[in-house]
Amino acid sequence: MVLLLALVGAGLAVVRPGPVAGWLGGGGADPKATADAAEPAPVPVLAAADPAAPAPTPDGVRAALDPLVRAPELGDRVNVSVADVANGDSLYTRGGDDGTVPASVTKLATAVTVLAARGPSYRIPTRAVAGAAPGEVVLVGGGDPTLAVDGDGFYPGAARLDDLAEQVKHALGGAEPTKVTVDSSLFPGPVYGPGWDSDIPTGGFGAAITALMTDGARTDPEDARKNFDDSHGWAERSPQPDLTAGRAFARLLGLSGDAAEVKRGKAPATNGARPAPPRPAPSWAGWSRCR
């Protein structure tokens, strides 16, 4: 029986397999579907508004914010807009109509959008699928910057490539992989933002934006974690995070020399379900993922 495995945090769950009968050769019965592992209910992180609390007023908000936003240390370009979340009424504005680069607060709008679209229990998958060539493994990035190579990653509890590699080896059934291809095509746009400093591709507080990377593209995640307080988050970054992740995955699969070098490519189209390939049974089949 061929099973699709999923890693959710530190737990291992068996989920519904795809139609991969015969891919490992030898025929056999079709795999039976299993129920998806239940996601735990999300834990609330913010308390609900107190219905008995007094409603905010423009005068009250102004009294609280004016002394803060008028502080000389902030300069003369402090633009603020405050609205009542209950009804959308404007409570306070200072330069609210001025065009302003929002800087890191953009993360708040992005996070709210993702939560609204996907829900709080959604996990970003990183997949390994059978490629077009015999023995080819395609590592498909889903946009998870916290993905780790192993247990020495930067982000605690992150999904790990070494766990995914073990799933692939199990799916291979003893056959040897021949090469690794990386598919980071989920993010087709430029990898650097307009106006970024020239050092960002290799160092600083950001990195090239790709759909496949490990440890936020840090080249030494263990050192970055240990020295975070002293460095304030600065770390050397890989200029090509997707290829760096692919090389690490190839090594975990036991590839070396020329076989450990990876190239960018595209995973075979699935159209919602993976059909049997129009060729003799490849060295492995099915697909695995970590989330």
Protein backbone atom coordinates (compact mmCIF):
# COMPACT_ATOMS: atom_id res chain seq x y z
CA MET A 1 0.00 0.00 0.00
CA VAL A 2 1.36 3.42 -0.94
CA LEU A 3 0.62 6.14 1.59
CA LEU A 4 1.05 9.87 1.47
CA LEU A 5 2.60 11.18 4.66
CA ALA A 6 2.30 14.65 6.13
CA LEU A 7 4.29 16.33 8.85
CA VAL A 8 2.34 18.81 10.95
CA GLY A 9 4.68 20.48 13.38
CA ALA A 10 6.43 17.71 15.29
CA GLY A 11 3.68 15.13 14.76
CA LEU A 12 3.34 12.53 12.05
CA ALA A 13 -0.02 11.83 10.47
CA VAL A 14 -1.12 9.48 7.69
CA VAL A 15 -3.43 11.20 5.26
CA ARG A 16 -5.25 10.32 2.08
CA PRO A 17 -2.96 8.91 -0.64
CA GLY A 18 -3.15 9.89 -4.27
CA PRO A 19 -3.83 7.52 -7.21
CA VAL A 20 -0.34 6.10 -7.43
CA ALA A 21 -1.04 2.38 -7.85
CA GLY A 22 1.64 0.68 -9.92
CA TRP A 23 4.17 3.48 -9.63
CA LEU A 24 6.41 1.37 -7.46
CA GLY A 25 5.99 -1.55 -9.83
CA GLY A 26 4.62 -4.98 -9.13
CA GLY A 27 0.94 -4.09 -9.38
CA GLY A 28 -1.05 -4.82 -6.24
CA ALA A 29 -4.31 -3.53 -4.90
CA ASP A 30 -5.27 0.11 -5.13
CA PRO A 31 -4.42 2.09 -2.01
CA LYS A 32 -7.33 2.63 0.34
CA ALA A 33 -8.26 6.13 1.42
CA THR A 34 -7.73 7.12 5.01
CA ALA A 35 -9.24 10.04 6.84
CA ASP A 36 -7.23 13.22 7.03
CA ALA A 37 -5.65 13.81 10.40
CA ALA A 38 -7.75 16.26 12.36
CA GLU A 39 -6.21 19.69 12.86
CA PRO A 40 -6.26 20.85 16.48
CA ALA A 41 -8.52 23.76 17.24
CA PRO A 42 -6.57 27.05 17.17
CA VAL A 43 -5.83 28.65 20.51
CA PRO A 44 -7.17 32.23 20.84
CA VAL A 45 -4.40 34.80 21.16
CA LEU A 46 -6.53 37.91 21.73
CA ALA A 47 -9.33 38.38 24.19
CA ALA A 48 -12.72 39.32 22.77
CA ALA A 49 -13.90 42.88 23.18
CA ASP A 50 -15.78 43.54 26.40
CA PRO A 51 -19.37 44.35 25.39
CA ALA A 52 -19.76 46.38 28.57
CA ALA A 53 -16.71 48.57 27.91
CA PRO A 54 -17.37 52.22 27.01
CA ALA A 55 -17.21 53.03 23.30
CA PRO A 56 -14.09 54.96 22.23
CA THR A 57 -14.58 58.62 21.37
CA PRO A 58 -12.56 60.96 19.13
CA ASP A 59 -11.77 63.18 22.11
CA GLY A 60 -10.56 60.26 24.19
CA VAL A 61 -8.34 58.84 21.45
CA ARG A 62 -6.94 62.30 20.70
CA ALA A 63 -6.08 62.84 24.37
CA ALA A 64 -4.23 59.51 24.45
CA LEU A 65 -2.34 59.83 21.15
CA ASP A 66 -1.54 63.52 20.72
CA PRO A 67 1.23 63.57 23.33
CA LEU A 68 2.79 60.50 21.72
CA VAL A 69 2.68 61.39 18.03
CA ARG A 70 3.82 64.97 18.68
CA ALA A 71 7.00 63.84 20.42
CA PRO A 72 9.95 65.60 18.69
CA GLU A 73 11.91 62.34 18.58
CA LEU A 74 9.48 61.06 15.92
CA GLY A 75 10.15 63.93 13.52
CA ASP A 76 7.57 65.79 11.48
CA ARG A 77 6.31 62.92 9.30
CA VAL A 78 4.12 60.96 11.69
CA ASN A 79 0.95 59.89 9.90
CA VAL A 80 -1.72 58.11 11.92
CA SER A 81 -5.26 56.95 11.19
CA VAL A 82 -7.42 55.27 13.85
CA ALA A 83 -10.86 53.78 13.19
CA ASP A 84 -13.41 52.06 15.39
CA VAL A 85 -13.34 48.38 14.40
CA ALA A 86 -16.98 47.99 15.45
CA ASN A 87 -18.41 50.44 12.92
CA GLY A 88 -15.52 51.85 10.87
CA ASP A 89 -15.95 55.43 12.18
CA SER A 90 -12.81 57.57 12.11
CA LEU A 91 -11.62 58.39 15.63
CA TYR A 92 -8.32 60.10 14.98
CA THR A 93 -6.24 61.18 12.02
CA ARG A 94 -2.94 62.96 11.59
CA GLY A 95 -1.74 63.12 8.00
CA GLY A 96 -4.15 60.31 7.25
CA ASP A 97 -4.50 61.31 3.59
CA ASP A 98 -0.77 61.67 2.96
CA GLY A 99 0.93 59.00 0.88
CA THR A 100 3.30 57.16 3.20
CA VAL A 101 5.57 54.13 2.95
CA PRO A 102 4.05 51.86 5.64
CA ALA A 103 7.28 49.98 6.47
CA SER A 104 6.93 46.89 8.65
CA VAL A 105 3.34 47.54 9.67
CA THR A 106 2.46 46.08 6.25
CA LYS A 107 2.99 42.72 7.96
CA LEU A 108 -0.18 43.32 9.96
CA ALA A 109 -2.32 43.79 6.85
CA THR A 110 -0.67 40.76 5.22
CA ALA A 111 -1.22 38.58 8.28
CA VAL A 112 -4.87 39.58 8.58
CA THR A 113 -5.41 38.85 4.87
CA VAL A 114 -3.84 35.39 5.14
CA LEU A 115 -5.85 34.56 8.26
CA ALA A 116 -9.07 35.65 6.57
CA ALA A 117 -8.31 33.66 3.40
CA ARG A 118 -6.85 30.47 4.91
CA GLY A 119 -7.91 30.35 8.55
CA PRO A 120 -5.71 30.01 11.64
CA SER A 121 -5.11 26.26 11.35
CA TYR A 122 -3.74 26.33 7.77
CA ARG A 123 -0.22 24.97 7.31
CA ILE A 124 2.06 25.80 4.36
CA PRO A 125 3.09 22.55 2.62
CA THR A 126 6.51 21.75 1.21
CA ARG A 127 6.19 18.75 -1.12
CA ALA A 128 8.43 16.15 -2.72
CA VAL A 129 7.04 14.59 -5.89
CA ALA A 130 8.23 12.16 -8.54
CA GLY A 131 9.76 13.97 -11.50
CA ALA A 132 9.54 13.21 -15.21
CA ALA A 133 12.86 11.34 -15.34
CA PRO A 134 13.41 7.98 -13.59
CA GLY A 135 14.68 8.56 -10.08
CA GLU A 136 14.12 12.32 -10.22
CA VAL A 137 12.75 13.92 -7.05
CA VAL A 138 11.20 17.37 -7.33
CA LEU A 139 11.17 19.51 -4.19
CA VAL A 140 8.21 21.89 -4.46
CA GLY A 141 8.26 25.06 -2.37
CA GLY A 142 4.99 26.28 -0.91
CA GLY A 143 6.28 29.55 0.54
CA ASP A 144 7.34 28.40 4.03
CA PRO A 145 10.37 30.52 5.09
CA THR A 146 10.65 28.68 8.42
CA LEU A 147 11.41 25.30 6.83
CA ALA A 148 14.51 23.75 8.45
CA VAL A 149 17.10 21.33 7.13
CA ASP A 150 17.30 19.43 10.43
CA GLY A 151 16.90 19.88 14.17
CA ASP A 152 19.39 22.78 14.27
CA GLY A 153 17.12 25.17 12.41
CA PHE A 154 16.47 28.81 13.33
CA TYR A 155 12.73 28.53 14.01
CA PRO A 156 11.59 26.22 16.85
CA GLY A 157 9.18 23.49 15.80
CA ALA A 158 9.57 24.10 12.07
CA ALA A 159 8.96 21.41 9.45
CA ARG A 160 12.22 19.71 8.45
CA LEU A 161 13.76 18.48 5.21
CA ASP A 162 15.40 15.52 6.93
CA ASP A 163 11.94 14.23 7.90
CA LEU A 164 10.75 14.71 4.32
CA ALA A 165 13.83 12.91 2.98
CA GLU A 166 13.03 9.90 5.16
CA GLN A 167 9.52 9.80 3.69
CA VAL A 168 10.96 9.85 0.18
CA LYS A 169 13.41 7.05 0.95
CA HIS A 170 10.54 4.98 2.31
CA ALA A 171 8.51 5.65 -0.84
CA LEU A 172 11.46 4.62 -3.00
CA GLY A 173 11.38 1.18 -1.44
CA GLY A 174 15.15 0.71 -1.62
CA ALA A 175 15.63 2.24 -5.09
CA GLU A 176 18.17 5.07 -5.37
CA PRO A 177 17.22 8.62 -6.35
CA THR A 178 19.20 10.02 -9.27
CA LYS A 179 18.78 13.78 -8.95
CA VAL A 180 16.85 16.58 -7.24
CA THR A 181 15.05 19.40 -9.04
CA VAL A 182 13.61 22.39 -7.19
CA ASP A 183 10.30 23.97 -8.12
CA SER A 184 10.04 27.47 -6.62
CA SER A 185 7.67 28.73 -9.31
CA LEU A 186 4.87 29.53 -6.84
CA PHE A 187 6.41 33.02 -6.50
CA PRO A 188 7.03 34.13 -10.10
CA GLY A 189 7.81 37.79 -9.38
CA PRO A 190 11.14 39.54 -8.70
CA VAL A 191 13.10 38.17 -5.76
CA TYR A 192 14.10 41.65 -4.55
CA GLY A 193 11.86 44.59 -3.82
CA PRO A 194 12.39 47.91 -5.62
CA GLY A 195 14.75 50.12 -3.70
CA TRP A 196 16.28 47.35 -1.60
CA ASP A 197 19.89 47.91 -0.56
CA SER A 198 22.49 45.98 -2.53
CA ASP A 199 23.57 43.91 0.50
CA ILE A 200 20.15 42.34 1.06
CA PRO A 201 20.78 39.32 -1.21
CA THR A 202 23.60 38.15 1.07
CA GLY A 203 23.11 39.75 4.46
CA GLY A 204 21.06 41.91 6.76
CA PHE A 205 17.51 41.52 7.95
CA GLY A 206 15.94 40.28 4.71
CA ALA A 207 16.66 37.83 1.91
CA ALA A 208 15.78 36.98 -1.66
CA ILE A 209 12.08 36.11 -1.75
CA THR A 210 11.58 32.59 -3.10
CA ALA A 211 8.87 29.98 -2.55
CA LEU A 212 11.50 27.53 -1.32
CA MET A 213 14.04 28.38 1.35
CA THR A 214 15.26 27.10 4.69
CA ASP A 215 15.64 29.12 7.89
CA GLY A 216 14.73 32.41 6.24
CA ALA A 217 17.68 31.87 3.83
CA ARG A 218 20.21 32.08 6.69
CA THR A 219 23.46 30.36 5.78
CA ASP A 220 24.22 29.38 9.40
CA PRO A 221 20.88 29.15 11.24
CA GLU A 222 22.34 27.60 14.38
CA ASP A 223 24.86 30.45 14.80
CA ALA A 224 22.16 33.03 13.98
CA ARG A 225 19.92 31.59 16.68
CA LYS A 226 22.64 31.51 19.33
CA ASN A 227 23.79 35.07 18.61
CA PHE A 228 20.41 36.63 17.95
CA ASP A 229 20.56 38.99 20.92
CA ASP A 230 23.98 40.33 19.96
CA SER A 231 23.27 40.58 16.23
CA HIS A 232 19.71 41.93 16.67
CA GLY A 233 18.62 39.55 13.92
CA TRP A 234 21.28 40.33 11.31
CA ALA A 235 22.51 37.21 9.52
CA GLU A 236 24.32 36.24 6.36
CA ARG A 237 21.81 35.02 3.75
CA SER A 238 21.99 32.74 0.75
CA PRO A 239 21.68 34.63 -2.57
CA GLN A 240 19.75 31.68 -4.10
CA PRO A 241 17.73 30.17 -1.26
CA ASP A 242 15.81 27.67 -3.40
CA LEU A 243 18.94 26.06 -4.85
CA THR A 244 20.58 26.03 -1.42
CA ALA A 245 17.57 24.18 0.00
CA GLY A 246 17.62 21.75 -2.92
CA ARG A 247 21.30 20.91 -2.39
CA ALA A 248 20.66 20.23 1.28
CA PHE A 249 17.77 17.94 0.35
CA ALA A 250 19.93 16.09 -2.19
CA ARG A 251 22.56 15.43 0.47
CA LEU A 252 19.87 14.15 2.84
CA LEU A 253 18.79 11.71 0.11
CA GLY A 254 22.36 10.41 -0.09
CA LEU A 255 23.34 12.10 -3.36
CA SER A 256 26.90 13.34 -3.77
CA GLY A 257 29.18 14.79 -6.42
CA ASP A 258 27.47 15.88 -9.64
CA ALA A 259 24.25 14.17 -8.56
CA ALA A 260 24.01 16.51 -5.56
CA GLU A 261 23.85 19.58 -7.81
CA VAL A 262 20.32 20.77 -8.44
CA LYS A 263 18.54 22.84 -11.04
CA ARG A 264 15.28 24.70 -11.15
CA GLY A 265 12.34 23.09 -12.93
CA LYS A 266 8.62 22.42 -12.69
CA ALA A 267 6.86 19.56 -10.99
CA PRO A 268 4.69 17.48 -13.34
CA ALA A 269 1.15 18.84 -13.60
CA THR A 270 -1.32 17.10 -11.32
CA ASN A 271 -4.71 18.55 -12.35
CA GLY A 272 -5.92 17.77 -8.85
CA ALA A 273 -4.85 14.13 -9.00
CA ARG A 274 -1.61 12.57 -10.13
CA PRO A 275 -2.08 10.20 -13.09
CA ALA A 276 0.13 7.24 -13.77
CA PRO A 277 3.01 8.35 -16.04
CA PRO A 278 3.04 7.28 -19.71
CA ARG A 279 6.29 5.33 -19.31
CA PRO A 280 7.60 2.25 -17.47
CA ALA A 281 7.24 2.36 -13.70
CA PRO A 282 9.77 4.88 -12.32
CA SER A 283 12.05 4.23 -9.41
CA TRP A 284 9.56 5.76 -6.99
CA ALA A 285 6.13 7.22 -6.93
CA GLY A 286 3.62 8.90 -4.80
CA TRP A 287 4.55 12.07 -3.02
CA SER A 288 5.35 13.24 0.45
CA ARG A 289 5.14 16.58 2.14
CA CYS A 290 6.01 18.39 5.33
CA ARG A 291 3.83 21.11 6.78
